[in-house]
Amino acid sequence: MMYGWPGMMGFGAFGMIFGFIFFIAVVAGIVFLIVWLVKRSGNTTVDKTGTRYLEILKERYAKGEITKEQYENMTKDLGLK
């Protein structure tokens, strides 16, 4: 014999609403986790200010891989100076 309202093991409409809200929360949590992981594993060689680009250019200039003119042109092209 069942006690309470029929369906959802006695929880009725409240159980259905709670189940739906719980399902939405789980889906939102999964989406948030995926977005966070994608952002975290993204391209970390460049930040918003381009400082990593400038570091690479300075290293290449110091090693003699590029000339002063090339260094200056590249910094202008990348908008770093």
PDB file of N, CA and C in Angstrom:
ATOM      1  N   MET A   1       0.842  -1.175   0.000  1.00  0.00           N
ATOM      2  CA  MET A   1       0.000   0.000   0.000  1.00  0.00           C
ATOM      3  C   MET A   1       0.886   1.237   0.000  1.00  0.00           C
ATOM      4  N   MET A   2       0.545   2.222  -0.869  1.00  0.00           N
ATOM      5  CA  MET A   2       1.320   3.457  -0.953  1.00  0.00           C
ATOM      6  C   MET A   2       0.740   4.501  -0.016  1.00  0.00           C
ATOM      7  N   TYR A   3       1.608   5.248   0.581  1.00  0.00           N
ATOM      8  CA  TYR A   3       1.206   6.361   1.431  1.00  0.00           C
ATOM      9  C   TYR A   3       1.479   7.667   0.702  1.00  0.00           C
ATOM     10  N   GLY A   4       0.715   8.675   0.913  1.00  0.00           N
ATOM     11  CA  GLY A   4       0.907   9.960   0.253  1.00  0.00           C
ATOM     12  C   GLY A   4       0.303   9.970  -1.123  1.00  0.00           C
ATOM     13  N   TRP A   5       0.718  10.934  -1.930  1.00  0.00           N
ATOM     14  CA  TRP A   5       0.186  11.073  -3.264  1.00  0.00           C
ATOM     15  C   TRP A   5       0.795  10.036  -4.191  1.00  0.00           C
ATOM     16  N   PRO A   6       0.072   9.652  -5.185  1.00  0.00           N
ATOM     17  CA  PRO A   6       0.618   8.660  -6.109  1.00  0.00           C
ATOM     18  C   PRO A   6       1.730   9.248  -6.988  1.00  0.00           C
ATOM     19  N   GLY A   7       2.680   8.433  -7.316  1.00  0.00           N
ATOM     20  CA  GLY A   7       3.769   8.863  -8.199  1.00  0.00           C
ATOM     21  C   GLY A   7       4.940   9.440  -7.420  1.00  0.00           C
ATOM     22  N   MET A   8       6.118   9.297  -7.961  1.00  0.00           N
ATOM     23  CA  MET A   8       7.351   9.842  -7.397  1.00  0.00           C
ATOM     24  C   MET A   8       7.544   9.435  -5.937  1.00  0.00           C
ATOM     25  N   MET A   9       7.223   8.263  -5.619  1.00  0.00           N
ATOM     26  CA  MET A   9       7.416   7.686  -4.289  1.00  0.00           C
ATOM     27  C   MET A   9       6.821   8.557  -3.183  1.00  0.00           C
ATOM     28  N   GLY A  10       5.657   9.094  -3.428  1.00  0.00           N
ATOM     29  CA  GLY A  10       4.968   9.849  -2.406  1.00  0.00           C
ATOM     30  C   GLY A  10       5.263  11.331  -2.398  1.00  0.00           C
ATOM     31  N   PHE A  11       6.081  11.818  -3.329  1.00  0.00           N
ATOM     32  CA  PHE A  11       6.414  13.243  -3.335  1.00  0.00           C
ATOM     33  C   PHE A  11       5.549  14.044  -4.290  1.00  0.00           C
ATOM     34  N   GLY A  12       4.893  13.402  -5.207  1.00  0.00           N
ATOM     35  CA  GLY A  12       3.967  14.068  -6.120  1.00  0.00           C
ATOM     36  C   GLY A  12       4.622  15.117  -6.988  1.00  0.00           C
ATOM     37  N   ALA A  13       3.936  16.236  -7.147  1.00  0.00           N
ATOM     38  CA  ALA A  13       4.416  17.308  -8.011  1.00  0.00           C
ATOM     39  C   ALA A  13       5.713  17.909  -7.479  1.00  0.00           C
ATOM     40  N   PHE A  14       5.857  17.975  -6.172  1.00  0.00           N
ATOM     41  CA  PHE A  14       7.086  18.510  -5.574  1.00  0.00           C
ATOM     42  C   PHE A  14       8.289  17.673  -5.998  1.00  0.00           C
ATOM     43  N   GLY A  15       8.130  16.375  -6.028  1.00  0.00           N
ATOM     44  CA  GLY A  15       9.214  15.494  -6.446  1.00  0.00           C
ATOM     45  C   GLY A  15       9.584  15.689  -7.901  1.00  0.00           C
ATOM     46  N   MET A  16       8.600  15.898  -8.752  1.00  0.00           N
ATOM     47  CA  MET A  16       8.870  16.135 -10.165  1.00  0.00           C
ATOM     48  C   MET A  16       9.598  17.457 -10.365  1.00  0.00           C
ATOM     49  N   ILE A  17       9.170  18.493  -9.677  1.00  0.00           N
ATOM     50  CA  ILE A  17       9.817  19.808  -9.785  1.00  0.00           C
ATOM     51  C   ILE A  17      11.246  19.737  -9.250  1.00  0.00           C
ATOM     52  N   PHE A  18      11.420  19.108  -8.099  1.00  0.00           N
ATOM     53  CA  PHE A  18      12.756  18.974  -7.522  1.00  0.00           C
ATOM     54  C   PHE A  18      13.670  18.165  -8.447  1.00  0.00           C
ATOM     55  N   GLY A  19      13.149  17.113  -9.030  1.00  0.00           N
ATOM     56  CA  GLY A  19      13.931  16.309  -9.964  1.00  0.00           C
ATOM     57  C   GLY A  19      14.356  17.105 -11.183  1.00  0.00           C
ATOM     58  N   PHE A  20      13.448  17.925 -11.710  1.00  0.00           N
ATOM     59  CA  PHE A  20      13.772  18.761 -12.859  1.00  0.00           C
ATOM     60  C   PHE A  20      14.839  19.783 -12.508  1.00  0.00           C
ATOM     61  N   ILE A  21      14.701  20.436 -11.356  1.00  0.00           N
ATOM     62  CA  ILE A  21      15.685  21.429 -10.913  1.00  0.00           C
ATOM     63  C   ILE A  21      17.040  20.759 -10.692  1.00  0.00           C
ATOM     64  N   PHE A  22      17.041  19.575 -10.113  1.00  0.00           N
ATOM     65  CA  PHE A  22      18.281  18.849  -9.886  1.00  0.00           C
ATOM     66  C   PHE A  22      18.943  18.491 -11.217  1.00  0.00           C
ATOM     67  N   PHE A  23      18.153  18.058 -12.185  1.00  0.00           N
ATOM     68  CA  PHE A  23      18.678  17.730 -13.510  1.00  0.00           C
ATOM     69  C   PHE A  23      19.308  18.957 -14.167  1.00  0.00           C
ATOM     70  N   ILE A  24      18.624  20.090 -14.111  1.00  0.00           N
ATOM     71  CA  ILE A  24      19.149  21.335 -14.689  1.00  0.00           C
ATOM     72  C   ILE A  24      20.454  21.729 -13.984  1.00  0.00           C
ATOM     73  N   ALA A  25      20.522  21.593 -12.671  1.00  0.00           N
ATOM     74  CA  ALA A  25      21.736  21.924 -11.921  1.00  0.00           C
ATOM     75  C   ALA A  25      22.899  21.028 -12.333  1.00  0.00           C
ATOM     76  N   VAL A  26      22.641  19.765 -12.527  1.00  0.00           N
ATOM     77  CA  VAL A  26      23.696  18.843 -12.950  1.00  0.00           C
ATOM     78  C   VAL A  26      24.193  19.209 -14.346  1.00  0.00           C
ATOM     79  N   VAL A  27      23.301  19.492 -15.266  1.00  0.00           N
ATOM     80  CA  VAL A  27      23.691  19.872 -16.628  1.00  0.00           C
ATOM     81  C   VAL A  27      24.485  21.183 -16.598  1.00  0.00           C
ATOM     82  N   ALA A  28      24.032  22.162 -15.818  1.00  0.00           N
ATOM     83  CA  ALA A  28      24.746  23.438 -15.719  1.00  0.00           C
ATOM     84  C   ALA A  28      26.136  23.217 -15.120  1.00  0.00           C
ATOM     85  N   GLY A  29      26.240  22.348 -14.145  1.00  0.00           N
ATOM     86  CA  GLY A  29      27.537  22.047 -13.551  1.00  0.00           C
ATOM     87  C   GLY A  29      28.491  21.415 -14.542  1.00  0.00           C
ATOM     88  N   ILE A  30      27.988  20.517 -15.362  1.00  0.00           N
ATOM     89  CA  ILE A  30      28.823  19.873 -16.376  1.00  0.00           C
ATOM     90  C   ILE A  30      29.282  20.893 -17.413  1.00  0.00           C
ATOM     91  N   VAL A  31      28.376  21.759 -17.847  1.00  0.00           N
ATOM     92  CA  VAL A  31      28.733  22.796 -18.822  1.00  0.00           C
ATOM     93  C   VAL A  31      29.786  23.732 -18.222  1.00  0.00           C
ATOM     94  N   PHE A  32      29.598  24.151 -16.979  1.00  0.00           N
ATOM     95  CA  PHE A  32      30.566  25.023 -16.307  1.00  0.00           C
ATOM     96  C   PHE A  32      31.931  24.347 -16.225  1.00  0.00           C
ATOM     97  N   LEU A  33      31.964  23.073 -15.891  1.00  0.00           N
ATOM     98  CA  LEU A  33      33.220  22.336 -15.788  1.00  0.00           C
ATOM     99  C   LEU A  33      33.922  22.256 -17.140  1.00  0.00           C
ATOM    100  N   ILE A  34      33.177  21.996 -18.197  1.00  0.00           N
ATOM    101  CA  ILE A  34      33.773  21.915 -19.530  1.00  0.00           C
ATOM    102  C   ILE A  34      34.343  23.262 -19.950  1.00  0.00           C
ATOM    103  N   VAL A  35      33.591  24.340 -19.728  1.00  0.00           N
ATOM    104  CA  VAL A  35      34.068  25.675 -20.095  1.00  0.00           C
ATOM    105  C   VAL A  35      35.322  26.016 -19.309  1.00  0.00           C
ATOM    106  N   TRP A  36      35.329  25.719 -18.019  1.00  0.00           N
ATOM    107  CA  TRP A  36      36.488  26.011 -17.169  1.00  0.00           C
ATOM    108  C   TRP A  36      37.717  25.236 -17.638  1.00  0.00           C
ATOM    109  N   LEU A  37      37.541  23.966 -17.974  1.00  0.00           N
ATOM    110  CA  LEU A  37      38.664  23.155 -18.443  1.00  0.00           C
ATOM    111  C   LEU A  37      39.199  23.643 -19.780  1.00  0.00           C
ATOM    112  N   VAL A  38      38.309  24.044 -20.677  1.00  0.00           N
ATOM    113  CA  VAL A  38      38.744  24.543 -21.982  1.00  0.00           C
ATOM    114  C   VAL A  38      39.519  25.846 -21.818  1.00  0.00           C
ATOM    115  N   LYS A  39      39.029  26.741 -20.986  1.00  0.00           N
ATOM    116  CA  LYS A  39      39.738  28.002 -20.758  1.00  0.00           C
ATOM    117  C   LYS A  39      41.085  27.763 -20.103  1.00  0.00           C
ATOM    118  N   ARG A  40      41.124  26.815 -19.188  1.00  0.00           N
ATOM    119  CA  ARG A  40      42.359  26.532 -18.461  1.00  0.00           C
ATOM    120  C   ARG A  40      43.406  25.902 -19.371  1.00  0.00           C
ATOM    121  N   SER A  41      42.985  25.091 -20.309  1.00  0.00           N
ATOM    122  CA  SER A  41      43.931  24.409 -21.178  1.00  0.00           C
ATOM    123  C   SER A  41      44.184  25.174 -22.467  1.00  0.00           C
ATOM    124  N   GLY A  42      43.666  26.379 -22.565  1.00  0.00           N
ATOM    125  CA  GLY A  42      43.822  27.168 -23.784  1.00  0.00           C
ATOM    126  C   GLY A  42      45.249  27.615 -23.999  1.00  0.00           C
ATOM    127  N   ASN A  43      45.446  28.473 -24.984  1.00  0.00           N
ATOM    128  CA  ASN A  43      46.769  28.966 -25.347  1.00  0.00           C
ATOM    129  C   ASN A  43      47.311  29.858 -24.241  1.00  0.00           C
ATOM    130  N   THR A  44      48.303  29.377 -23.532  1.00  0.00           N
ATOM    131  CA  THR A  44      48.869  30.137 -22.419  1.00  0.00           C
ATOM    132  C   THR A  44      50.117  30.900 -22.809  1.00  0.00           C
ATOM    133  N   THR A  45      50.492  30.859 -24.082  1.00  0.00           N
ATOM    134  CA  THR A  45      51.704  31.556 -24.489  1.00  0.00           C
ATOM    135  C   THR A  45      51.476  33.046 -24.686  1.00  0.00           C
ATOM    136  N   VAL A  46      50.238  33.468 -24.731  1.00  0.00           N
ATOM    137  CA  VAL A  46      49.939  34.879 -24.970  1.00  0.00           C
ATOM    138  C   VAL A  46      48.913  35.351 -23.950  1.00  0.00           C
ATOM    139  N   ASP A  47      49.236  36.431 -23.269  1.00  0.00           N
ATOM    140  CA  ASP A  47      48.227  37.029 -22.414  1.00  0.00           C
ATOM    141  C   ASP A  47      47.647  38.233 -23.137  1.00  0.00           C
ATOM    142  N   LYS A  48      46.732  38.945 -22.501  1.00  0.00           N
ATOM    143  CA  LYS A  48      46.024  40.031 -23.180  1.00  0.00           C
ATOM    144  C   LYS A  48      46.947  41.181 -23.558  1.00  0.00           C
ATOM    145  N   THR A  49      48.045  41.375 -22.841  1.00  0.00           N
ATOM    146  CA  THR A  49      48.930  42.496 -23.127  1.00  0.00           C
ATOM    147  C   THR A  49      50.028  42.140 -24.113  1.00  0.00           C
ATOM    148  N   GLY A  50      50.156  40.889 -24.479  1.00  0.00           N
ATOM    149  CA  GLY A  50      51.159  40.477 -25.446  1.00  0.00           C
ATOM    150  C   GLY A  50      52.551  40.381 -24.859  1.00  0.00           C
ATOM    151  N   THR A  51      52.685  40.309 -23.544  1.00  0.00           N
ATOM    152  CA  THR A  51      54.012  40.280 -22.940  1.00  0.00           C
ATOM    153  C   THR A  51      54.789  39.030 -23.329  1.00  0.00           C
ATOM    154  N   ARG A  52      54.115  37.928 -23.549  1.00  0.00           N
ATOM    155  CA  ARG A  52      54.824  36.711 -23.945  1.00  0.00           C
ATOM    156  C   ARG A  52      55.420  36.877 -25.339  1.00  0.00           C
ATOM    157  N   TYR A  53      54.709  37.532 -26.240  1.00  0.00           N
ATOM    158  CA  TYR A  53      55.265  37.805 -27.562  1.00  0.00           C
ATOM    159  C   TYR A  53      56.539  38.635 -27.438  1.00  0.00           C
ATOM    160  N   LEU A  54      56.490  39.648 -26.606  1.00  0.00           N
ATOM    161  CA  LEU A  54      57.645  40.524 -26.429  1.00  0.00           C
ATOM    162  C   LEU A  54      58.817  39.758 -25.840  1.00  0.00           C
ATOM    163  N   GLU A  55      58.561  38.869 -24.899  1.00  0.00           N
ATOM    164  CA  GLU A  55      59.628  38.046 -24.321  1.00  0.00           C
ATOM    165  C   GLU A  55      60.287  37.181 -25.392  1.00  0.00           C
ATOM    166  N   ILE A  56      59.478  36.575 -26.254  1.00  0.00           N
ATOM    167  CA  ILE A  56      60.014  35.720 -27.315  1.00  0.00           C
ATOM    168  C   ILE A  56      60.873  36.540 -28.279  1.00  0.00           C
ATOM    169  N   LEU A  57      60.369  37.725 -28.640  1.00  0.00           N
ATOM    170  CA  LEU A  57      61.148  38.577 -29.547  1.00  0.00           C
ATOM    171  C   LEU A  57      62.463  38.997 -28.911  1.00  0.00           C
ATOM    172  N   LYS A  58      62.438  39.350 -27.633  1.00  0.00           N
ATOM    173  CA  LYS A  58      63.678  39.740 -26.940  1.00  0.00           C
ATOM    174  C   LYS A  58      64.664  38.586 -26.901  1.00  0.00           C
ATOM    175  N   GLU A  59      64.169  37.382 -26.649  1.00  0.00           N
ATOM    176  CA  GLU A  59      65.044  36.211 -26.619  1.00  0.00           C
ATOM    177  C   GLU A  59      65.668  35.965 -27.992  1.00  0.00           C
ATOM    178  N   ARG A  60      64.862  36.061 -29.035  1.00  0.00           N
ATOM    179  CA  ARG A  60      65.374  35.838 -30.390  1.00  0.00           C
ATOM    180  C   ARG A  60      66.392  36.912 -30.767  1.00  0.00           C
ATOM    181  N   TYR A  61      66.149  38.154 -30.358  1.00  0.00           N
ATOM    182  CA  TYR A  61      67.085  39.239 -30.645  1.00  0.00           C
ATOM    183  C   TYR A  61      68.386  39.026 -29.875  1.00  0.00           C
ATOM    184  N   ALA A  62      68.281  38.613 -28.624  1.00  0.00           N
ATOM    185  CA  ALA A  62      69.469  38.378 -27.811  1.00  0.00           C
ATOM    186  C   ALA A  62      70.295  37.221 -28.346  1.00  0.00           C
ATOM    187  N   LYS A  63      69.653  36.210 -28.909  1.00  0.00           N
ATOM    188  CA  LYS A  63      70.369  35.063 -29.469  1.00  0.00           C
ATOM    189  C   LYS A  63      70.954  35.369 -30.844  1.00  0.00           C
ATOM    190  N   GLY A  64      70.566  36.491 -31.427  1.00  0.00           N
ATOM    191  CA  GLY A  64      71.061  36.854 -32.745  1.00  0.00           C
ATOM    192  C   GLY A  64      70.261  36.243 -33.872  1.00  0.00           C
ATOM    193  N   GLU A  65      69.104  35.705 -33.573  1.00  0.00           N
ATOM    194  CA  GLU A  65      68.279  35.088 -34.614  1.00  0.00           C
ATOM    195  C   GLU A  65      67.625  36.131 -35.511  1.00  0.00           C
ATOM    196  N   ILE A  66      67.385  37.333 -34.988  1.00  0.00           N
ATOM    197  CA  ILE A  66      66.789  38.411 -35.774  1.00  0.00           C
ATOM    198  C   ILE A  66      67.617  39.677 -35.582  1.00  0.00           C
ATOM    199  N   THR A  67      67.539  40.557 -36.565  1.00  0.00           N
ATOM    200  CA  THR A  67      68.278  41.816 -36.477  1.00  0.00           C
ATOM    201  C   THR A  67      67.451  42.852 -35.720  1.00  0.00           C
ATOM    202  N   LYS A  68      68.096  43.994 -35.455  1.00  0.00           N
ATOM    203  CA  LYS A  68      67.410  45.075 -34.736  1.00  0.00           C
ATOM    204  C   LYS A  68      66.217  45.578 -35.560  1.00  0.00           C
ATOM    205  N   GLU A  69      66.399  45.693 -36.861  1.00  0.00           N
ATOM    206  CA  GLU A  69      65.323  46.162 -37.720  1.00  0.00           C
ATOM    207  C   GLU A  69      64.151  45.178 -37.718  1.00  0.00           C
ATOM    208  N   GLN A  70      64.462  43.887 -37.783  1.00  0.00           N
ATOM    209  CA  GLN A  70      63.411  42.879 -37.728  1.00  0.00           C
ATOM    210  C   GLN A  70      62.680  42.927 -36.387  1.00  0.00           C
ATOM    211  N   TYR A  71      63.445  43.091 -35.314  1.00  0.00           N
ATOM    212  CA  TYR A  71      62.856  43.184 -33.975  1.00  0.00           C
ATOM    213  C   TYR A  71      61.884  44.353 -33.901  1.00  0.00           C
ATOM    214  N   GLU A  72      62.332  45.521 -34.376  1.00  0.00           N
ATOM    215  CA  GLU A  72      61.479  46.715 -34.331  1.00  0.00           C
ATOM    216  C   GLU A  72      60.248  46.551 -35.217  1.00  0.00           C
ATOM    217  N   ASN A  73      60.419  45.989 -36.396  1.00  0.00           N
ATOM    218  CA  ASN A  73      59.278  45.772 -37.291  1.00  0.00           C
ATOM    219  C   ASN A  73      58.273  44.802 -36.680  1.00  0.00           C
ATOM    220  N   MET A  74      58.764  43.736 -36.071  1.00  0.00           N
ATOM    221  CA  MET A  74      57.868  42.753 -35.467  1.00  0.00           C
ATOM    222  C   MET A  74      57.102  43.330 -34.284  1.00  0.00           C
ATOM    223  N   THR A  75      57.781  44.141 -33.475  1.00  0.00           N
ATOM    224  CA  THR A  75      57.055  44.751 -32.342  1.00  0.00           C
ATOM    225  C   THR A  75      55.992  45.725 -32.835  1.00  0.00           C
ATOM    226  N   LYS A  76      56.283  46.430 -33.906  1.00  0.00           N
ATOM    227  CA  LYS A  76      55.280  47.338 -34.485  1.00  0.00           C
ATOM    228  C   LYS A  76      54.115  46.553 -35.069  1.00  0.00           C
ATOM    229  N   ASP A  77      54.445  45.492 -35.809  1.00  0.00           N
ATOM    230  CA  ASP A  77      53.397  44.666 -36.424  1.00  0.00           C
ATOM    231  C   ASP A  77      52.468  44.048 -35.383  1.00  0.00           C
ATOM    232  N   LEU A  78      53.032  43.645 -34.276  1.00  0.00           N
ATOM    233  CA  LEU A  78      52.220  43.018 -33.215  1.00  0.00           C
ATOM    234  C   LEU A  78      51.573  44.042 -32.299  1.00  0.00           C
ATOM    235  N   GLY A  79      51.920  45.313 -32.487  1.00  0.00           N
ATOM    236  CA  GLY A  79      51.331  46.363 -31.662  1.00  0.00           C
ATOM    237  C   GLY A  79      51.818  46.342 -30.226  1.00  0.00           C
ATOM    238  N   LEU A  80      53.068  45.970 -30.044  1.00  0.00           N
ATOM    239  CA  LEU A  80      53.629  45.860 -28.696  1.00  0.00           C
ATOM    240  C   LEU A  80      54.332  47.122 -28.252  1.00  0.00           C
ATOM    241  N   LYS A  81      54.603  48.046 -29.174  1.00  0.00           N
ATOM    242  CA  LYS A  81      55.268  49.292 -28.791  1.00  0.00           C
ATOM    243  C   LYS A  81      54.561  50.469 -29.385  1.00  0.00           C
TER     244      LYS A  81
END
